[in-house]
PDB file of N, CA and C in Angstrom:
ATOM      1  N   UNK A   1     104.947 128.256 111.023  1.00  0.00           N
ATOM      2  CA  UNK A   1     103.547 127.980 111.133  1.00  0.00           C
ATOM      3  C   UNK A   1     103.364 126.480 110.928  1.00  0.00           C
ATOM      4  N   UNK A   2     102.697 125.800 111.834  1.00  0.00           N
ATOM      5  CA  UNK A   2     102.465 124.364 111.776  1.00  0.00           C
ATOM      6  C   UNK A   2     101.004 124.135 111.441  1.00  0.00           C
ATOM      7  N   UNK A   3     100.731 123.362 110.393  1.00  0.00           N
ATOM      8  CA  UNK A   3      99.348 123.096 110.014  1.00  0.00           C
ATOM      9  C   UNK A   3      99.045 121.626 110.164  1.00  0.00           C
ATOM     10  N   UNK A   4      97.889 121.316 110.727  1.00  0.00           N
ATOM     11  CA  UNK A   4      97.451 119.939 110.881  1.00  0.00           C
ATOM     12  C   UNK A   4      96.434 119.655 109.789  1.00  0.00           C
ATOM     13  N   UNK A   5      96.636 118.513 109.127  1.00  0.00           N
ATOM     14  CA  UNK A   5      95.717 118.133 108.057  1.00  0.00           C
ATOM     15  C   UNK A   5      95.461 116.643 108.178  1.00  0.00           C
ATOM     16  N   UNK A   6      94.384 116.257 108.815  1.00  0.00           N
ATOM     17  CA  UNK A   6      93.990 114.866 109.045  1.00  0.00           C
ATOM     18  C   UNK A   6      95.165 113.993 109.473  1.00  0.00           C
ATOM     19  N   UNK A   7      95.683 114.257 110.656  1.00  0.00           N
ATOM     20  CA  UNK A   7      96.770 113.518 111.276  1.00  0.00           C
ATOM     21  C   UNK A   7      98.115 113.709 110.584  1.00  0.00           C
ATOM     22  N   UNK A   8      98.241 114.648 109.704  1.00  0.00           N
ATOM     23  CA  UNK A   8      99.495 114.881 108.991  1.00  0.00           C
ATOM     24  C   UNK A   8      99.976 116.283 109.336  1.00  0.00           C
ATOM     25  N   UNK A   9     101.197 116.387 109.817  1.00  0.00           N
ATOM     26  CA  UNK A   9     101.745 117.690 110.152  1.00  0.00           C
ATOM     27  C   UNK A   9     102.673 118.141 109.044  1.00  0.00           C
ATOM     28  N   UNK A  10     102.491 119.383 108.632  1.00  0.00           N
ATOM     29  CA  UNK A  10     103.366 119.977 107.627  1.00  0.00           C
ATOM     30  C   UNK A  10     103.888 121.283 108.181  1.00  0.00           C
ATOM     31  N   UNK A  11     105.121 121.557 107.875  1.00  0.00           N
ATOM     32  CA  UNK A  11     105.730 122.797 108.326  1.00  0.00           C
ATOM     33  C   UNK A  11     105.914 123.704 107.122  1.00  0.00           C
ATOM     34  N   UNK A  12     105.546 124.969 107.295  1.00  0.00           N
ATOM     35  CA  UNK A  12     105.674 125.945 106.218  1.00  0.00           C
ATOM     36  C   UNK A  12     106.645 127.039 106.633  1.00  0.00           C
ATOM     37  N   UNK A  13     107.391 127.535 105.676  1.00  0.00           N
ATOM     38  CA  UNK A  13     108.424 128.538 105.908  1.00  0.00           C
ATOM     39  C   UNK A  13     107.823 129.829 106.467  1.00  0.00           C
ATOM     40  N   UNK A  14     108.484 130.366 107.516  1.00  0.00           N
ATOM     41  CA  UNK A  14     108.043 131.629 108.109  1.00  0.00           C
ATOM     42  C   UNK A  14     108.331 132.813 107.197  1.00  0.00           C
ATOM     43  N   UNK A  15     109.324 132.676 106.308  1.00  0.00           N
ATOM     44  CA  UNK A  15     109.716 133.789 105.441  1.00  0.00           C
ATOM     45  C   UNK A  15     108.894 133.867 104.158  1.00  0.00           C
ATOM     46  N   UNK A  16     108.745 132.724 103.452  1.00  0.00           N
ATOM     47  CA  UNK A  16     108.073 132.796 102.148  1.00  0.00           C
ATOM     48  C   UNK A  16     106.788 131.974 102.067  1.00  0.00           C
ATOM     49  N   UNK A  17     106.520 131.127 103.056  1.00  0.00           N
ATOM     50  CA  UNK A  17     105.274 130.363 103.078  1.00  0.00           C
ATOM     51  C   UNK A  17     105.311 129.043 102.323  1.00  0.00           C
ATOM     52  N   UNK A  18     106.454 128.668 101.731  1.00  0.00           N
ATOM     53  CA  UNK A  18     106.549 127.402 101.005  1.00  0.00           C
ATOM     54  C   UNK A  18     106.687 126.244 101.995  1.00  0.00           C
ATOM     55  N   UNK A  19     106.356 125.044 101.543  1.00  0.00           N
ATOM     56  CA  UNK A  19     106.462 123.881 102.411  1.00  0.00           C
ATOM     57  C   UNK A  19     107.929 123.544 102.666  1.00  0.00           C
ATOM     58  N   UNK A  20     108.239 123.199 103.912  1.00  0.00           N
ATOM     59  CA  UNK A  20     109.604 122.853 104.287  1.00  0.00           C
ATOM     60  C   UNK A  20     109.760 121.338 104.285  1.00  0.00           C
ATOM     61  N   UNK A  21     110.972 120.869 103.973  1.00  0.00           N
ATOM     62  CA  UNK A  21     111.239 119.437 103.916  1.00  0.00           C
ATOM     63  C   UNK A  21     112.381 119.095 104.865  1.00  0.00           C
ATOM     64  N   UNK A  22     112.367 117.883 105.436  1.00  0.00           N
ATOM     65  CA  UNK A  22     113.453 117.494 106.336  1.00  0.00           C
ATOM     66  C   UNK A  22     114.739 117.234 105.561  1.00  0.00           C
ATOM     67  N   UNK A  23     115.853 117.610 106.149  1.00  0.00           N
ATOM     68  CA  UNK A  23     117.162 117.386 105.533  1.00  0.00           C
ATOM     69  C   UNK A  23     118.205 117.291 106.641  1.00  0.00           C
ATOM     70  N   UNK A  24     119.390 116.827 106.296  1.00  0.00           N
ATOM     71  CA  UNK A  24     120.491 116.711 107.251  1.00  0.00           C
ATOM     72  C   UNK A  24     121.550 117.753 106.914  1.00  0.00           C
ATOM     73  N   UNK A  25     121.968 118.505 107.915  1.00  0.00           N
ATOM     74  CA  UNK A  25     123.012 119.515 107.755  1.00  0.00           C
ATOM     75  C   UNK A  25     124.379 118.841 107.719  1.00  0.00           C
ATOM     76  N   UNK A  26     125.429 119.615 107.391  1.00  0.00           N
ATOM     77  CA  UNK A  26     126.794 119.095 107.336  1.00  0.00           C
ATOM     78  C   UNK A  26     127.262 118.548 108.682  1.00  0.00           C
ATOM     79  N   UNK A  27     126.779 119.139 109.786  1.00  0.00           N
ATOM     80  CA  UNK A  27     127.187 118.682 111.119  1.00  0.00           C
ATOM     81  C   UNK A  27     126.387 117.472 111.601  1.00  0.00           C
ATOM     82  N   UNK A  28     125.470 116.957 110.765  1.00  0.00           N
ATOM     83  CA  UNK A  28     124.681 115.772 111.110  1.00  0.00           C
ATOM     84  C   UNK A  28     123.347 116.071 111.768  1.00  0.00           C
ATOM     85  N   UNK A  29     123.070 117.336 112.050  1.00  0.00           N
ATOM     86  CA  UNK A  29     121.796 117.684 112.685  1.00  0.00           C
ATOM     87  C   UNK A  29     120.665 117.654 111.657  1.00  0.00           C
ATOM     88  N   UNK A  30     119.471 117.287 112.109  1.00  0.00           N
ATOM     89  CA  UNK A  30     118.297 117.235 111.244  1.00  0.00           C
ATOM     90  C   UNK A  30     117.553 118.560 111.353  1.00  0.00           C
ATOM     91  N   UNK A  31     117.241 119.160 110.205  1.00  0.00           N
ATOM     92  CA  UNK A  31     116.514 120.427 110.162  1.00  0.00           C
ATOM     93  C   UNK A  31     115.437 120.359 109.094  1.00  0.00           C
ATOM     94  N   UNK A  32     114.530 121.310 109.153  1.00  0.00           N
ATOM     95  CA  UNK A  32     113.565 121.514 108.079  1.00  0.00           C
ATOM     96  C   UNK A  32     114.096 122.640 107.207  1.00  0.00           C
ATOM     97  N   UNK A  33     114.092 122.434 105.895  1.00  0.00           N
ATOM     98  CA  UNK A  33     114.651 123.433 104.996  1.00  0.00           C
ATOM     99  C   UNK A  33     113.614 123.806 103.946  1.00  0.00           C
ATOM    100  N   UNK A  34     113.512 125.098 103.679  1.00  0.00           N
ATOM    101  CA  UNK A  34     112.602 125.601 102.649  1.00  0.00           C
ATOM    102  C   UNK A  34     113.237 125.393 101.284  1.00  0.00           C
ATOM    103  N   UNK A  35     112.498 124.795 100.365  1.00  0.00           N
ATOM    104  CA  UNK A  35     113.019 124.578  99.014  1.00  0.00           C
ATOM    105  C   UNK A  35     113.081 125.867  98.202  1.00  0.00           C
ATOM    106  N   UNK A  36     112.268 126.835  98.585  1.00  0.00           N
ATOM    107  CA  UNK A  36     112.216 128.079  97.817  1.00  0.00           C
ATOM    108  C   UNK A  36     113.305 129.067  98.207  1.00  0.00           C
ATOM    109  N   UNK A  37     113.364 129.408  99.514  1.00  0.00           N
ATOM    110  CA  UNK A  37     114.293 130.457  99.933  1.00  0.00           C
ATOM    111  C   UNK A  37     115.493 129.945 100.716  1.00  0.00           C
ATOM    112  N   UNK A  38     115.507 128.645 101.097  1.00  0.00           N
ATOM    113  CA  UNK A  38     116.644 128.083 101.809  1.00  0.00           C
ATOM    114  C   UNK A  38     116.633 128.281 103.317  1.00  0.00           C
ATOM    115  N   UNK A  39     115.609 128.930 103.855  1.00  0.00           N
ATOM    116  CA  UNK A  39     115.495 129.146 105.294  1.00  0.00           C
ATOM    117  C   UNK A  39     115.435 127.796 106.010  1.00  0.00           C
ATOM    118  N   UNK A  40     116.153 127.656 107.144  1.00  0.00           N
ATOM    119  CA  UNK A  40     116.137 126.407 107.904  1.00  0.00           C
ATOM    120  C   UNK A  40     115.555 126.638 109.288  1.00  0.00           C
ATOM    121  N   UNK A  41     115.029 125.546 109.844  1.00  0.00           N
ATOM    122  CA  UNK A  41     114.441 125.594 111.178  1.00  0.00           C
ATOM    123  C   UNK A  41     114.780 124.285 111.878  1.00  0.00           C
ATOM    124  N   UNK A  42     115.208 124.346 113.155  1.00  0.00           N
ATOM    125  CA  UNK A  42     115.530 123.151 113.913  1.00  0.00           C
ATOM    126  C   UNK A  42     114.277 122.315 114.129  1.00  0.00           C
ATOM    127  N   UNK A  43     114.448 121.011 114.088  1.00  0.00           N
ATOM    128  CA  UNK A  43     113.329 120.102 114.332  1.00  0.00           C
ATOM    129  C   UNK A  43     113.206 119.891 115.830  1.00  0.00           C
ATOM    130  N   UNK A  44     112.008 120.106 116.345  1.00  0.00           N
ATOM    131  CA  UNK A  44     111.741 119.903 117.768  1.00  0.00           C
ATOM    132  C   UNK A  44     111.058 118.551 117.930  1.00  0.00           C
ATOM    133  N   UNK A  45     111.608 117.704 118.772  1.00  0.00           N
ATOM    134  CA  UNK A  45     111.013 116.400 119.021  1.00  0.00           C
ATOM    135  C   UNK A  45     111.334 115.411 117.915  1.00  0.00           C
ATOM    136  N   UNK A  46     110.486 114.429 117.802  1.00  0.00           N
ATOM    137  CA  UNK A  46     110.687 113.337 116.845  1.00  0.00           C
ATOM    138  C   UNK A  46     109.969 113.652 115.538  1.00  0.00           C
ATOM    139  N   UNK A  47     110.616 113.338 114.434  1.00  0.00           N
ATOM    140  CA  UNK A  47     110.044 113.610 113.122  1.00  0.00           C
ATOM    141  C   UNK A  47     109.824 112.298 112.381  1.00  0.00           C
ATOM    142  N   UNK A  48     108.623 112.108 111.894  1.00  0.00           N
ATOM    143  CA  UNK A  48     108.300 110.940 111.091  1.00  0.00           C
ATOM    144  C   UNK A  48     107.853 111.421 109.732  1.00  0.00           C
ATOM    145  N   UNK A  49     108.475 110.887 108.695  1.00  0.00           N
ATOM    146  CA  UNK A  49     108.115 111.260 107.336  1.00  0.00           C
ATOM    147  C   UNK A  49     107.521 110.039 106.668  1.00  0.00           C
ATOM    148  N   UNK A  50     106.327 110.184 106.120  1.00  0.00           N
ATOM    149  CA  UNK A  50     105.695 109.072 105.406  1.00  0.00           C
ATOM    150  C   UNK A  50     104.913 109.632 104.236  1.00  0.00           C
ATOM    151  N   UNK A  51     104.623 108.745 103.313  1.00  0.00           N
ATOM    152  CA  UNK A  51     103.873 109.156 102.135  1.00  0.00           C
ATOM    153  C   UNK A  51     102.909 108.046 101.762  1.00  0.00           C
ATOM    154  N   UNK A  52     101.650 108.367 101.647  1.00  0.00           N
ATOM    155  CA  UNK A  52     100.652 107.411 101.195  1.00  0.00           C
ATOM    156  C   UNK A  52     100.432 107.616  99.713  1.00  0.00           C
ATOM    157  N   UNK A  53     100.548 106.538  98.961  1.00  0.00           N
ATOM    158  CA  UNK A  53     100.319 106.611  97.530  1.00  0.00           C
ATOM    159  C   UNK A  53      99.004 105.919  97.243  1.00  0.00           C
ATOM    160  N   UNK A  54      98.063 106.669  96.727  1.00  0.00           N
ATOM    161  CA  UNK A  54      96.766 106.099  96.392  1.00  0.00           C
ATOM    162  C   UNK A  54      96.728 105.774  94.916  1.00  0.00           C
ATOM    163  N   UNK A  55      96.282 104.576  94.617  1.00  0.00           N
ATOM    164  CA  UNK A  55      96.164 104.137  93.231  1.00  0.00           C
ATOM    165  C   UNK A  55      94.822 104.584  92.680  1.00  0.00           C
ATOM    166  N   UNK A  56      94.830 104.955  91.429  1.00  0.00           N
ATOM    167  CA  UNK A  56      93.591 105.312  90.750  1.00  0.00           C
ATOM    168  C   UNK A  56      93.155 104.144  89.890  1.00  0.00           C
ATOM    169  N   UNK A  57      91.928 104.133  89.417  1.00  0.00           N
ATOM    170  CA  UNK A  57      91.495 103.050  88.528  1.00  0.00           C
ATOM    171  C   UNK A  57      92.366 102.911  87.285  1.00  0.00           C
ATOM    172  N   UNK A  58      93.001 103.992  86.851  1.00  0.00           N
ATOM    173  CA  UNK A  58      93.876 103.923  85.676  1.00  0.00           C
ATOM    174  C   UNK A  58      95.157 103.150  85.963  1.00  0.00           C
ATOM    175  N   UNK A  59      95.518 102.999  87.257  1.00  0.00           N
ATOM    176  CA  UNK A  59      96.733 102.290  87.628  1.00  0.00           C
ATOM    177  C   UNK A  59      96.529 100.772  87.661  1.00  0.00           C
ATOM    178  N   UNK A  60      95.299 100.327  87.583  1.00  0.00           N
ATOM    179  CA  UNK A  60      94.999  98.908  87.700  1.00  0.00           C
ATOM    180  C   UNK A  60      94.711  98.304  86.335  1.00  0.00           C
ATOM    181  N   UNK A  61      95.043  97.038  86.192  1.00  0.00           N
ATOM    182  CA  UNK A  61      94.699  96.312  84.979  1.00  0.00           C
ATOM    183  C   UNK A  61      93.266  95.841  85.136  1.00  0.00           C
ATOM    184  N   UNK A  62      92.437  96.197  84.199  1.00  0.00           N
ATOM    185  CA  UNK A  62      91.023  95.854  84.271  1.00  0.00           C
ATOM    186  C   UNK A  62      90.764  94.648  83.389  1.00  0.00           C
ATOM    187  N   UNK A  63      90.265  93.587  83.990  1.00  0.00           N
ATOM    188  CA  UNK A  63      89.880  92.403  83.254  1.00  0.00           C
ATOM    189  C   UNK A  63      88.360  92.358  83.265  1.00  0.00           C
ATOM    190  N   UNK A  64      87.769  92.405  82.086  1.00  0.00           N
ATOM    191  CA  UNK A  64      86.320  92.457  81.968  1.00  0.00           C
ATOM    192  C   UNK A  64      85.755  91.053  82.136  1.00  0.00           C
ATOM    193  N   UNK A  65      84.861  90.869  83.096  1.00  0.00           N
ATOM    194  CA  UNK A  65      84.249  89.571  83.350  1.00  0.00           C
ATOM    195  C   UNK A  65      82.829  89.490  82.798  1.00  0.00           C
ATOM    196  N   UNK A  66      82.236  90.613  82.456  1.00  0.00           N
ATOM    197  CA  UNK A  66      80.852  90.664  82.012  1.00  0.00           C
ATOM    198  C   UNK A  66      80.766  90.381  80.514  1.00  0.00           C
ATOM    199  N   UNK A  67      80.068  89.295  80.133  1.00  0.00           N
ATOM    200  CA  UNK A  67      79.950  88.931  78.724  1.00  0.00           C
ATOM    201  C   UNK A  67      78.979  89.827  77.958  1.00  0.00           C
ATOM    202  N   UNK A  68      78.207  90.650  78.657  1.00  0.00           N
ATOM    203  CA  UNK A  68      77.226  91.491  77.977  1.00  0.00           C
ATOM    204  C   UNK A  68      77.864  92.721  77.324  1.00  0.00           C
ATOM    205  N   UNK A  69      79.127  93.009  77.627  1.00  0.00           N
ATOM    206  CA  UNK A  69      79.808  94.156  77.037  1.00  0.00           C
ATOM    207  C   UNK A  69      80.337  93.741  75.665  1.00  0.00           C
ATOM    208  N   UNK A  70      79.888  94.408  74.597  1.00  0.00           N
ATOM    209  CA  UNK A  70      80.366  94.020  73.266  1.00  0.00           C
ATOM    210  C   UNK A  70      81.854  94.346  73.108  1.00  0.00           C
ATOM    211  N   UNK A  71      82.599  93.353  72.635  1.00  0.00           N
ATOM    212  CA  UNK A  71      84.038  93.528  72.443  1.00  0.00           C
ATOM    213  C   UNK A  71      84.410  93.015  71.066  1.00  0.00           C
ATOM    214  N   UNK A  72      85.451  93.593  70.446  1.00  0.00           N
ATOM    215  CA  UNK A  72      85.875  93.120  69.130  1.00  0.00           C
ATOM    216  C   UNK A  72      86.479  91.718  69.234  1.00  0.00           C
ATOM    217  N   UNK A  73      86.346  90.956  68.138  1.00  0.00           N
ATOM    218  CA  UNK A  73      86.871  89.590  68.074  1.00  0.00           C
ATOM    219  C   UNK A  73      87.966  89.546  67.020  1.00  0.00           C
ATOM    220  N   UNK A  74      89.022  88.793  67.303  1.00  0.00           N
ATOM    221  CA  UNK A  74      90.126  88.631  66.361  1.00  0.00           C
ATOM    222  C   UNK A  74      90.505  87.156  66.265  1.00  0.00           C
ATOM    223  N   UNK A  75      91.311  86.819  65.276  1.00  0.00           N
ATOM    224  CA  UNK A  75      91.810  85.455  65.120  1.00  0.00           C
ATOM    225  C   UNK A  75      93.061  85.319  65.984  1.00  0.00           C
ATOM    226  N   UNK A  76      92.941  84.639  67.100  1.00  0.00           N
ATOM    227  CA  UNK A  76      94.054  84.412  68.020  1.00  0.00           C
ATOM    228  C   UNK A  76      93.804  83.058  68.678  1.00  0.00           C
ATOM    229  N   UNK A  77      94.796  82.190  68.696  1.00  0.00           N
ATOM    230  CA  UNK A  77      94.631  80.849  69.233  1.00  0.00           C
ATOM    231  C   UNK A  77      94.758  80.842  70.748  1.00  0.00           C
ATOM    232  N   UNK A  78      93.752  80.280  71.403  1.00  0.00           N
ATOM    233  CA  UNK A  78      93.739  80.187  72.863  1.00  0.00           C
ATOM    234  C   UNK A  78      94.772  79.152  73.306  1.00  0.00           C
ATOM    235  N   UNK A  79      95.673  79.514  74.234  1.00  0.00           N
ATOM    236  CA  UNK A  79      96.684  78.560  74.692  1.00  0.00           C
ATOM    237  C   UNK A  79      96.100  77.450  75.568  1.00  0.00           C
ATOM    238  N   UNK A  80      94.864  77.619  76.017  1.00  0.00           N
ATOM    239  CA  UNK A  80      94.254  76.629  76.911  1.00  0.00           C
ATOM    240  C   UNK A  80      93.434  75.588  76.148  1.00  0.00           C
ATOM    241  N   UNK A  81      92.551  76.047  75.225  1.00  0.00           N
ATOM    242  CA  UNK A  81      91.657  75.101  74.555  1.00  0.00           C
ATOM    243  C   UNK A  81      91.885  74.993  73.047  1.00  0.00           C
ATOM    244  N   UNK A  82      92.686  75.897  72.468  1.00  0.00           N
ATOM    245  CA  UNK A  82      92.978  75.825  71.045  1.00  0.00           C
ATOM    246  C   UNK A  82      91.967  76.523  70.152  1.00  0.00           C
ATOM    247  N   UNK A  83      90.930  77.125  70.705  1.00  0.00           N
ATOM    248  CA  UNK A  83      89.950  77.887  69.930  1.00  0.00           C
ATOM    249  C   UNK A  83      90.673  79.018  69.200  1.00  0.00           C
ATOM    250  N   UNK A  84      90.214  79.374  67.999  1.00  0.00           N
ATOM    251  CA  UNK A  84      90.930  80.389  67.207  1.00  0.00           C
ATOM    252  C   UNK A  84      90.281  81.764  67.226  1.00  0.00           C
ATOM    253  N   UNK A  85      89.249  81.977  68.021  1.00  0.00           N
ATOM    254  CA  UNK A  85      88.607  83.287  68.137  1.00  0.00           C
ATOM    255  C   UNK A  85      88.762  83.806  69.569  1.00  0.00           C
ATOM    256  N   UNK A  86      89.092  85.087  69.668  1.00  0.00           N
ATOM    257  CA  UNK A  86      89.267  85.686  70.996  1.00  0.00           C
ATOM    258  C   UNK A  86      88.818  87.141  70.973  1.00  0.00           C
ATOM    259  N   UNK A  87      88.229  87.567  72.084  1.00  0.00           N
ATOM    260  CA  UNK A  87      87.961  88.987  72.271  1.00  0.00           C
ATOM    261  C   UNK A  87      89.315  89.645  72.551  1.00  0.00           C
ATOM    262  N   UNK A  88      89.449  90.932  72.248  1.00  0.00           N
ATOM    263  CA  UNK A  88      90.711  91.602  72.553  1.00  0.00           C
ATOM    264  C   UNK A  88      90.482  93.051  72.954  1.00  0.00           C
ATOM    265  N   UNK A  89      91.445  93.569  73.732  1.00  0.00           N
ATOM    266  CA  UNK A  89      91.492  94.980  74.100  1.00  0.00           C
ATOM    267  C   UNK A  89      92.938  95.312  74.424  1.00  0.00           C
ATOM    268  N   UNK A  90      93.270  96.573  74.391  1.00  0.00           N
ATOM    269  CA  UNK A  90      94.633  97.016  74.691  1.00  0.00           C
ATOM    270  C   UNK A  90      94.620  97.968  75.875  1.00  0.00           C
ATOM    271  N   UNK A  91      95.749  98.005  76.579  1.00  0.00           N
ATOM    272  CA  UNK A  91      95.875  98.866  77.751  1.00  0.00           C
ATOM    273  C   UNK A  91      97.337  99.268  77.892  1.00  0.00           C
ATOM    274  N   UNK A  92      97.584 100.531  78.201  1.00  0.00           N
ATOM    275  CA  UNK A  92      98.946 101.019  78.408  1.00  0.00           C
ATOM    276  C   UNK A  92      99.362 100.648  79.821  1.00  0.00           C
ATOM    277  N   UNK A  93     100.149  99.574  79.982  1.00  0.00           N
ATOM    278  CA  UNK A  93     100.537  99.104  81.310  1.00  0.00           C
ATOM    279  C   UNK A  93     101.953  99.507  81.687  1.00  0.00           C
ATOM    280  N   UNK A  94     102.721 100.029  80.739  1.00  0.00           N
ATOM    281  CA  UNK A  94     104.099 100.434  81.012  1.00  0.00           C
ATOM    282  C   UNK A  94     104.262 101.904  80.652  1.00  0.00           C
ATOM    283  N   UNK A  95     105.496 102.342  80.480  1.00  0.00           N
ATOM    284  CA  UNK A  95     105.740 103.750  80.164  1.00  0.00           C
ATOM    285  C   UNK A  95     105.119 104.133  78.837  1.00  0.00           C
ATOM    286  N   UNK A  96     104.883 105.410  78.660  1.00  0.00           N
ATOM    287  CA  UNK A  96     104.226 105.908  77.458  1.00  0.00           C
ATOM    288  C   UNK A  96     105.013 105.709  76.180  1.00  0.00           C
ATOM    289  N   UNK A  97     106.337 105.574  76.269  1.00  0.00           N
ATOM    290  CA  UNK A  97     107.132 105.399  75.058  1.00  0.00           C
ATOM    291  C   UNK A  97     107.244 103.927  74.648  1.00  0.00           C
ATOM    292  N   UNK A  98     106.567 103.021  75.369  1.00  0.00           N
ATOM    293  CA  UNK A  98     106.556 101.606  75.021  1.00  0.00           C
ATOM    294  C   UNK A  98     105.167 101.226  74.521  1.00  0.00           C
ATOM    295  N   UNK A  99     105.104 100.158  73.779  1.00  0.00           N
ATOM    296  CA  UNK A  99     103.833  99.729  73.201  1.00  0.00           C
ATOM    297  C   UNK A  99     102.827  99.298  74.254  1.00  0.00           C
ATOM    298  N   UNK A 100     101.567  99.329  73.873  1.00  0.00           N
ATOM    299  CA  UNK A 100     100.488  98.914  74.773  1.00  0.00           C
ATOM    300  C   UNK A 100     100.485  97.396  74.914  1.00  0.00           C
ATOM    301  N   UNK A 101      99.899  96.906  76.005  1.00  0.00           N
ATOM    302  CA  UNK A 101      99.747  95.472  76.225  1.00  0.00           C
ATOM    303  C   UNK A 101      98.430  95.033  75.614  1.00  0.00           C
ATOM    304  N   UNK A 102      98.463  93.938  74.861  1.00  0.00           N
ATOM    305  CA  UNK A 102      97.250  93.391  74.245  1.00  0.00           C
ATOM    306  C   UNK A 102      96.705  92.283  75.139  1.00  0.00           C
ATOM    307  N   UNK A 103      95.416  92.368  75.465  1.00  0.00           N
ATOM    308  CA  UNK A 103      94.754  91.343  76.258  1.00  0.00           C
ATOM    309  C   UNK A 103      93.802  90.573  75.357  1.00  0.00           C
ATOM    310  N   UNK A 104      93.705  89.269  75.594  1.00  0.00           N
ATOM    311  CA  UNK A 104      92.815  88.401  74.828  1.00  0.00           C
ATOM    312  C   UNK A 104      91.982  87.564  75.776  1.00  0.00           C
ATOM    313  N   UNK A 105      90.729  87.260  75.373  1.00  0.00           N
ATOM    314  CA  UNK A 105      89.867  86.347  76.120  1.00  0.00           C
ATOM    315  C   UNK A 105      89.218  85.406  75.127  1.00  0.00           C
ATOM    316  N   UNK A 106      89.395  84.114  75.351  1.00  0.00           N
ATOM    317  CA  UNK A 106      88.849  83.090  74.469  1.00  0.00           C
ATOM    318  C   UNK A 106      87.325  83.185  74.451  1.00  0.00           C
ATOM    319  N   UNK A 107      86.750  83.097  73.260  1.00  0.00           N
ATOM    320  CA  UNK A 107      85.287  83.166  73.130  1.00  0.00           C
ATOM    321  C   UNK A 107      84.618  81.883  73.599  1.00  0.00           C
ATOM    322  N   UNK A 108      85.380  80.793  73.738  1.00  0.00           N
ATOM    323  CA  UNK A 108      84.808  79.515  74.183  1.00  0.00           C
ATOM    324  C   UNK A 108      85.001  79.280  75.679  1.00  0.00           C
ATOM    325  N   UNK A 109      86.259  79.151  76.117  1.00  0.00           N
ATOM    326  CA  UNK A 109      86.530  78.773  77.519  1.00  0.00           C
ATOM    327  C   UNK A 109      86.714  79.971  78.451  1.00  0.00           C
ATOM    328  N   UNK A 110      86.727  81.191  77.915  1.00  0.00           N
ATOM    329  CA  UNK A 110      86.866  82.450  78.670  1.00  0.00           C
ATOM    330  C   UNK A 110      88.242  82.624  79.316  1.00  0.00           C
ATOM    331  N   UNK A 111      89.240  81.835  78.908  1.00  0.00           N
ATOM    332  CA  UNK A 111      90.609  82.009  79.405  1.00  0.00           C
ATOM    333  C   UNK A 111      91.132  83.359  78.925  1.00  0.00           C
ATOM    334  N   UNK A 112      91.811  84.096  79.818  1.00  0.00           N
ATOM    335  CA  UNK A 112      92.344  85.415  79.488  1.00  0.00           C
ATOM    336  C   UNK A 112      93.866  85.389  79.545  1.00  0.00           C
ATOM    337  N   UNK A 113      94.522  85.960  78.536  1.00  0.00           N
ATOM    338  CA  UNK A 113      95.975  86.054  78.507  1.00  0.00           C
ATOM    339  C   UNK A 113      96.362  87.385  77.883  1.00  0.00           C
ATOM    340  N   UNK A 114      97.636  87.698  77.946  1.00  0.00           N
ATOM    341  CA  UNK A 114      98.100  88.973  77.406  1.00  0.00           C
ATOM    342  C   UNK A 114      99.382  88.795  76.626  1.00  0.00           C
ATOM    343  N   UNK A 115      99.665  89.781  75.775  1.00  0.00           N
ATOM    344  CA  UNK A 115     100.891  89.812  74.988  1.00  0.00           C
ATOM    345  C   UNK A 115     101.442  91.237  75.073  1.00  0.00           C
ATOM    346  N   UNK A 116     102.717  91.352  75.415  1.00  0.00           N
ATOM    347  CA  UNK A 116     103.346  92.672  75.571  1.00  0.00           C
ATOM    348  C   UNK A 116     103.790  93.209  74.234  1.00  0.00           C
TER     349      UNK A 116
END
């Protein structure tokens, strides 16, 4: 059974209904194989495999530009102007088992920097 979904073709197994994936057989031929039951089907014509990865807002580093948002202030020296007060916030930019990244913004010159 071939299903069309907004310009994307997916092949589903005739035996169990699971999605089939392209693979290469021992003889070098390209087939679609069911991950669930192992059923194979010959590929007719040309096969293109692609994947679109959409980023969510959580995947992006957010730098706050609006001064009207209240933010905590800490004692941190600005590398640009030498001011000793900075707004700060933290964000998990790497894997969960690593520490969060600390972001700072100078209260005077608005320079923004980070510390891992």
